Structure formats: structure tokens, C-alpha cells
C-alpha atoms as a PDB file:
ATOM      1  CA  MET A   1     100.464  93.452 123.392  1.00  0.00           C
ATOM      2  CA  SER A   2      98.010  94.121 120.591  1.00  0.00           C
ATOM      3  CA  TYR A   3      96.906  91.266 118.316  1.00  0.00           C
ATOM      4  CA  TYR A   4      97.972  93.326 115.285  1.00  0.00           C
ATOM      5  CA  THR A   5     101.193  95.307 115.180  1.00  0.00           C
ATOM      6  CA  LYS A   6      99.150  98.100 113.578  1.00  0.00           C
ATOM      7  CA  HIS A   7      95.381  98.327 113.213  1.00  0.00           C
ATOM      8  CA  VAL A   8      94.232 101.121 110.907  1.00  0.00           C
ATOM      9  CA  PHE A   9      90.658 102.385 110.765  1.00  0.00           C
ATOM     10  CA  PHE A  10      89.501 104.594 107.890  1.00  0.00           C
ATOM     11  CA  CYS A  11      86.254 106.461 108.409  1.00  0.00           C
ATOM     12  CA  THR A  12      84.150 105.554 105.369  1.00  0.00           C
ATOM     13  CA  ASN A  13      80.867 106.868 106.707  1.00  0.00           C
ATOM     14  CA  GLN A  14      78.428 108.107 104.077  1.00  0.00           C
ATOM     15  CA  ARG A  15      75.793 110.648 105.054  1.00  0.00           C
ATOM     16  CA  ASP A  16      72.511 111.341 103.321  1.00  0.00           C
ATOM     17  CA  LEU A  17      71.586 114.331 101.195  1.00  0.00           C
ATOM     18  CA  GLY A  18      75.120 115.429 100.402  1.00  0.00           C
ATOM     19  CA  ALA A  19      76.089 116.181 103.996  1.00  0.00           C
ATOM     20  CA  GLU A  20      79.818 116.464 104.590  1.00  0.00           C
ATOM     21  CA  CYS A  21      81.414 113.106 105.303  1.00  0.00           C
ATOM     22  CA  CYS A  22      84.649 111.195 104.858  1.00  0.00           C
ATOM     23  CA  HIS A  23      83.189 108.995 102.103  1.00  0.00           C
ATOM     24  CA  SER A  24      82.339 112.011  99.934  1.00  0.00           C
ATOM     25  CA  ALA A  25      85.923 113.214 100.451  1.00  0.00           C
ATOM     26  CA  GLY A  26      87.301 109.970  98.965  1.00  0.00           C
ATOM     27  CA  SER A  27      87.978 107.860 102.051  1.00  0.00           C
ATOM     28  CA  SER A  28      86.646 104.595 100.589  1.00  0.00           C
ATOM     29  CA  ASP A  29      89.102 104.760  97.682  1.00  0.00           C
ATOM     30  CA  LEU A  30      91.960 105.639 100.027  1.00  0.00           C
ATOM     31  CA  GLN A  31      91.086 102.738 102.340  1.00  0.00           C
ATOM     32  CA  ALA A  32      91.033 100.336  99.378  1.00  0.00           C
ATOM     33  CA  TYR A  33      94.437 101.647  98.282  1.00  0.00           C
ATOM     34  CA  ALA A  34      95.896 101.162 101.774  1.00  0.00           C
ATOM     35  CA  LYS A  35      94.527  97.643 102.023  1.00  0.00           C
ATOM     36  CA  ALA A  36      95.952  96.709  98.610  1.00  0.00           C
ATOM     37  CA  ARG A  37      99.369  98.201  99.436  1.00  0.00           C
ATOM     38  CA  VAL A  38      99.600  96.434 102.791  1.00  0.00           C
ATOM     39  CA  THR A  39      98.703  93.176 101.052  1.00  0.00           C
ATOM     40  CA  GLN A  40     101.222  93.858  98.273  1.00  0.00           C
ATOM     41  CA  LEU A  41     103.923  94.490 100.879  1.00  0.00           C
ATOM     42  CA  LYS A  42     103.003  91.176 102.570  1.00  0.00           C
ATOM     43  CA  LEU A  43     102.163  92.944 105.823  1.00  0.00           C
ATOM     44  CA  SER A  44      98.546  91.784 106.119  1.00  0.00           C
ATOM     45  CA  GLY A  45      97.279  88.751 107.944  1.00  0.00           C
ATOM     46  CA  GLY A  46      96.564  87.636 111.481  1.00  0.00           C
ATOM     47  CA  SER A  47      98.513  87.983 114.687  1.00  0.00           C
ATOM     48  CA  GLY A  48     101.558  90.211 114.478  1.00  0.00           C
ATOM     49  CA  LYS A  49     100.520  91.697 111.128  1.00  0.00           C
ATOM     50  CA  VAL A  50      98.808  94.875 109.900  1.00  0.00           C
ATOM     51  CA  ARG A  51      95.042  95.203 109.517  1.00  0.00           C
ATOM     52  CA  ILE A  52      93.316  97.889 107.422  1.00  0.00           C
ATOM     53  CA  ASN A  53      89.610  98.328 108.248  1.00  0.00           C
ATOM     54  CA  ARG A  54      86.664 100.461 107.265  1.00  0.00           C
ATOM     55  CA  ALA A  55      84.929 102.213 110.130  1.00  0.00           C
ATOM     56  CA  GLY A  56      81.639 103.955 110.546  1.00  0.00           C
ATOM     57  CA  CYS A  57      81.547 107.567 111.601  1.00  0.00           C
ATOM     58  CA  LEU A  58      84.512 108.605 113.729  1.00  0.00           C
ATOM     59  CA  ASN A  59      82.885 112.002 114.480  1.00  0.00           C
ATOM     60  CA  ARG A  60      85.504 114.068 112.688  1.00  0.00           C
ATOM     61  CA  CYS A  61      83.575 114.636 109.448  1.00  0.00           C
ATOM     62  CA  ASP A  62      84.725 118.219 108.943  1.00  0.00           C
ATOM     63  CA  GLU A  63      88.367 117.066 109.045  1.00  0.00           C
ATOM     64  CA  GLY A  64      87.967 114.134 106.660  1.00  0.00           C
ATOM     65  CA  PRO A  65      88.971 111.920 105.257  1.00  0.00           C
ATOM     66  CA  VAL A  66      90.384 110.665 108.536  1.00  0.00           C
ATOM     67  CA  LEU A  67      92.025 107.502 109.769  1.00  0.00           C
ATOM     68  CA  VAL A  68      93.438 106.343 113.062  1.00  0.00           C
ATOM     69  CA  VAL A  69      96.362 103.976 113.667  1.00  0.00           C
ATOM     70  CA  TYR A  70      96.385 101.760 116.741  1.00  0.00           C
ATOM     71  CA  PRO A  71      97.863 100.819 119.153  1.00  0.00           C
ATOM     72  CA  GLU A  72      99.371 104.336 119.204  1.00  0.00           C
ATOM     73  CA  ALA A  73      95.999 106.037 118.584  1.00  0.00           C
ATOM     74  CA  VAL A  74      97.492 108.464 116.081  1.00  0.00           C
ATOM     75  CA  TRP A  75      94.857 110.328 114.052  1.00  0.00           C
ATOM     76  CA  TYR A  76      95.499 111.511 110.518  1.00  0.00           C
ATOM     77  CA  ARG A  77      93.823 113.564 107.830  1.00  0.00           C
ATOM     78  CA  VAL A  78      94.752 112.346 104.363  1.00  0.00           C
ATOM     79  CA  PHE A  79      94.220 114.031 101.028  1.00  0.00           C
ATOM     80  CA  ASP A  80      95.416 111.497  98.473  1.00  0.00           C
ATOM     81  CA  LYS A  81      97.177 108.177  97.871  1.00  0.00           C
ATOM     82  CA  ALA A  82     100.582 109.827  98.335  1.00  0.00           C
ATOM     83  CA  ASP A  83      99.594 110.723 101.924  1.00  0.00           C
ATOM     84  CA  VAL A  84      98.443 107.155 102.577  1.00  0.00           C
ATOM     85  CA  GLU A  85     101.689 105.813 101.120  1.00  0.00           C
ATOM     86  CA  GLU A  86     103.694 108.133 103.369  1.00  0.00           C
ATOM     87  CA  ILE A  87     101.836 106.815 106.420  1.00  0.00           C
ATOM     88  CA  ILE A  88     102.479 103.229 105.320  1.00  0.00           C
ATOM     89  CA  GLN A  89     106.176 103.835 104.773  1.00  0.00           C
ATOM     90  CA  SER A  90     106.836 106.046 107.793  1.00  0.00           C
ATOM     91  CA  HIS A  91     104.365 104.947 110.471  1.00  0.00           C
ATOM     92  CA  ILE A  92     103.399 101.388 109.559  1.00  0.00           C
ATOM     93  CA  LEU A  93     106.851 100.229 108.439  1.00  0.00           C
ATOM     94  CA  GLY A  94     109.098 102.686 110.271  1.00  0.00           C
ATOM     95  CA  ASN A  95     107.133 103.324 113.492  1.00  0.00           C
ATOM     96  CA  THR A  96     107.509 107.071 112.941  1.00  0.00           C
ATOM     97  CA  PRO A  97     104.236 109.025 112.795  1.00  0.00           C
ATOM     98  CA  VAL A  98     103.829 111.562 109.981  1.00  0.00           C
ATOM     99  CA  ASP A  99     103.564 114.840 111.862  1.00  0.00           C
ATOM    100  CA  ARG A 100     102.391 116.948 108.905  1.00  0.00           C
ATOM    101  CA  LEU A 101      99.245 114.793 108.547  1.00  0.00           C
ATOM    102  CA  ARG A 102      98.465 114.335 112.252  1.00  0.00           C
ATOM    103  CA  LEU A 103      95.274 115.638 113.771  1.00  0.00           C
ATOM    104  CA  ALA A 104      95.082 116.975 117.293  1.00  0.00           C
ATOM    105  CA  ASP A 105      93.771 114.365 119.723  1.00  0.00           C
END
């Protein structure tokens, strides 16, 4: 069993000289939103809780912003806070991945 019920990694990598990256597509703001929402919903903490993390490059820059939810290893492309909220409600709380936002493995 995983330490966290869900462990979410947002790529927040920032590349030099304006190169395409998740950060320039808004991933840092979306990660901050997710972390605040999970805290607001009292889902964050240690063992048996949800963890929202920043990650370095996840090598999917052209698909960004991207995040991955473990332990299921479901990859998502998100466009705005509404997409992040849908993932929180459906996948994090309901254990049902959001197919319309999923990336191919």
C-alpha cells in the first residue's frame, strides 16, 4: 500500500530562453490551486492522505501543463483550474479518472 492514498506531481519545470515548458503554460499556478484545494478539503497530511507536489521536468513539455496521479500512474493534461477541480472531485475523491483529460501512457 502506498503511504499516500493519492500522490500528485505537477510538472513545474521552467526552461530558459522562452522554450516550451509546463511552467510557461501555467502549471505553477495550477499546482498551487490544487494544493490549496486539497488543504481546504482537509485531504492533505501524512499517511493515508493526499499529497500535491511540484516536479521537475516530466519530459512531456509539448503536452503541458501535465500532472500525474499515483499510485494509479494516470497522466493528465490540464488547461485551467476547472480541469484541476474536476480531477480533484472525480479522481482524488471519487477514484474515477477523468478520461477527457488523460494522456496516453
